[in-house]
Protein backbone atom coordinates (compact mmCIF):
# COMPACT_ATOMS: atom_id res chain seq x y z
CA MET A 1 -106.39 58.22 168.41
CA LEU A 2 -107.85 61.70 169.45
CA LYS A 3 -105.45 61.98 172.40
CA HIS A 4 -102.86 63.52 170.12
CA ILE A 5 -104.96 66.62 169.15
CA SER A 6 -103.67 69.72 170.94
CA HIS A 7 -105.72 72.03 173.09
CA LYS A 8 -105.28 74.77 170.45
CA THR A 9 -106.72 72.51 167.77
CA VAL A 10 -109.68 71.76 169.89
CA ALA A 11 -110.32 75.48 170.63
CA VAL A 12 -110.13 76.16 166.89
CA LEU A 13 -112.64 73.42 166.15
CA ALA A 14 -115.00 74.56 168.92
CA THR A 15 -114.78 78.05 167.45
CA ALA A 16 -115.47 76.89 164.00
CA LEU A 17 -118.48 74.96 165.40
CA VAL A 18 -119.92 77.83 167.10
CA LEU A 19 -119.51 79.98 164.00
CA THR A 20 -121.16 77.31 161.96
CA VAL A 21 -124.18 77.14 164.31
CA ALA A 22 -124.54 80.95 164.35
CA LEU A 23 -124.38 81.22 160.64
CA ALA A 24 -127.04 78.42 160.38
CA ALA A 25 -129.28 80.42 162.71
CA THR A 26 -128.83 83.47 160.72
CA VAL A 27 -129.62 81.67 157.37
CA ARG A 28 -132.61 80.14 159.07
CA ALA A 29 -133.66 83.70 160.18
CA ALA A 30 -134.06 84.55 156.47
CA ASP A 31 -137.40 83.18 155.29
CA GLU A 32 -136.78 79.46 154.81
CA THR A 33 -138.89 79.22 151.76
CA THR A 34 -137.81 82.39 149.92
CA GLY A 35 -134.56 83.41 151.50
CA ASP A 36 -136.17 86.89 152.01
CA PRO A 37 -135.25 88.31 155.41
CA VAL A 38 -138.04 90.95 155.24
CA GLN A 39 -140.61 88.21 154.50
CA ALA A 40 -139.25 86.26 157.33
CA GLN A 41 -139.91 89.31 159.68
CA ILE A 42 -143.43 89.65 158.37
CA ASP A 43 -144.00 85.92 158.92
CA HIS A 44 -142.68 86.06 162.44
CA GLY A 45 -144.69 89.19 163.14
CA LYS A 46 -147.86 87.59 161.84
CA SER A 47 -147.32 84.73 164.28
CA THR A 48 -146.76 87.09 167.21
CA TYR A 49 -149.76 89.13 166.19
CA ALA A 50 -152.01 86.05 166.13
CA SER A 51 -150.90 85.01 169.54
CA LYS A 52 -150.49 88.25 171.29
CA CYS A 53 -152.47 90.99 169.59
CA SER A 54 -155.49 89.56 167.70
CA HIS A 55 -157.72 89.02 170.65
CA CYS A 56 -158.05 92.76 171.07
CA HIS A 57 -157.17 94.15 167.62
CA GLY A 58 -158.94 91.36 165.62
CA PRO A 59 -157.57 88.70 163.28
CA ASN A 60 -157.60 91.08 160.33
CA MET A 61 -156.16 94.16 162.35
CA MET A 62 -159.51 95.64 162.97
CA ASN A 63 -162.07 94.92 165.64
CA SER A 64 -165.42 96.70 164.92
CA GLY A 65 -167.35 97.71 167.92
CA THR A 66 -164.42 98.12 170.21
CA ILE A 67 -162.02 100.91 171.12
CA THR A 68 -159.15 99.31 169.35
CA PRO A 69 -157.98 101.25 166.20
CA ASP A 70 -157.83 99.71 162.80
CA LEU A 71 -154.08 98.86 162.56
CA ARG A 72 -154.22 98.92 158.82
CA ALA A 73 -154.58 102.54 159.07
CA PHE A 74 -151.72 102.92 161.46
CA PRO A 75 -149.38 105.90 160.31
CA ASP A 76 -146.17 104.96 158.78
CA ASP A 77 -144.32 105.73 161.99
CA LYS A 78 -142.29 102.88 163.33
CA THR A 79 -141.03 104.92 166.29
CA ARG A 80 -144.62 105.64 167.46
CA PHE A 81 -145.57 102.08 166.89
CA VAL A 82 -142.70 100.62 168.94
CA THR A 83 -143.32 103.24 171.69
CA THR A 84 -147.01 102.33 171.79
CA VAL A 85 -146.39 98.56 171.99
CA LYS A 86 -143.64 98.89 174.63
CA ASN A 87 -145.48 101.43 176.81
CA GLY A 88 -149.16 100.85 176.14
CA LYS A 89 -151.63 103.52 175.43
CA ASN A 90 -154.05 105.56 177.49
CA ASN A 91 -154.27 102.87 180.21
CA LYS A 92 -156.42 100.86 177.60
CA MET A 93 -153.59 99.00 175.82
CA PRO A 94 -151.28 97.28 178.20
CA PRO A 95 -147.58 97.75 177.89
CA TRP A 96 -145.79 94.78 176.11
CA GLY A 97 -142.14 96.06 176.60
CA ASP A 98 -141.50 93.46 179.28
CA ILE A 99 -143.11 90.65 177.40
CA LEU A 100 -142.02 91.13 173.82
CA SER A 101 -138.39 91.39 172.77
CA ASP A 102 -137.22 94.26 170.40
CA ASP A 103 -136.99 91.72 167.63
CA GLU A 104 -140.59 90.46 168.10
CA ILE A 105 -141.79 94.16 168.28
CA GLY A 106 -139.84 94.84 165.07
CA ASN A 107 -141.33 91.77 163.51
CA LEU A 108 -144.75 93.00 164.47
CA TRP A 109 -144.08 96.40 162.78
CA ALA A 110 -143.01 94.60 159.56
CA PHE A 111 -146.35 92.61 159.64
CA VAL A 112 -148.40 95.61 160.36
CA SER A 113 -146.83 97.83 157.90
CA SER A 114 -147.02 95.16 155.26
CA ARG A 115 -150.86 95.23 155.62
CA ARG A 116 -151.24 98.99 155.61
CA LYS A 117 -154.20 100.29 153.60
CA PRO A 118 -153.04 102.21 150.51
């Protein structure tokens, strides 16, 4: 029964399937509970922070008694943040540019900036 479908029809159906999957991934990227893409970034950043950053910077973005800064007081400067995460700092913070993707670093920024002290 399916042998009567043309190659062109199969190509169109395959394209439609790929677009559907891409759309589903985009929708899923928005926070699954609220539909808020900014909250989704914050949530993803929180997860990345917990697994990659909290051991030095502390679970609440501060680690008293260490050389790590209180990240809640980090300036509202995304460029500086991204540069520091990618390249490291003063041979004390290792560079993460080869480990974390640009999206992961952007999500970290969303999380850190959402927790900034007033």
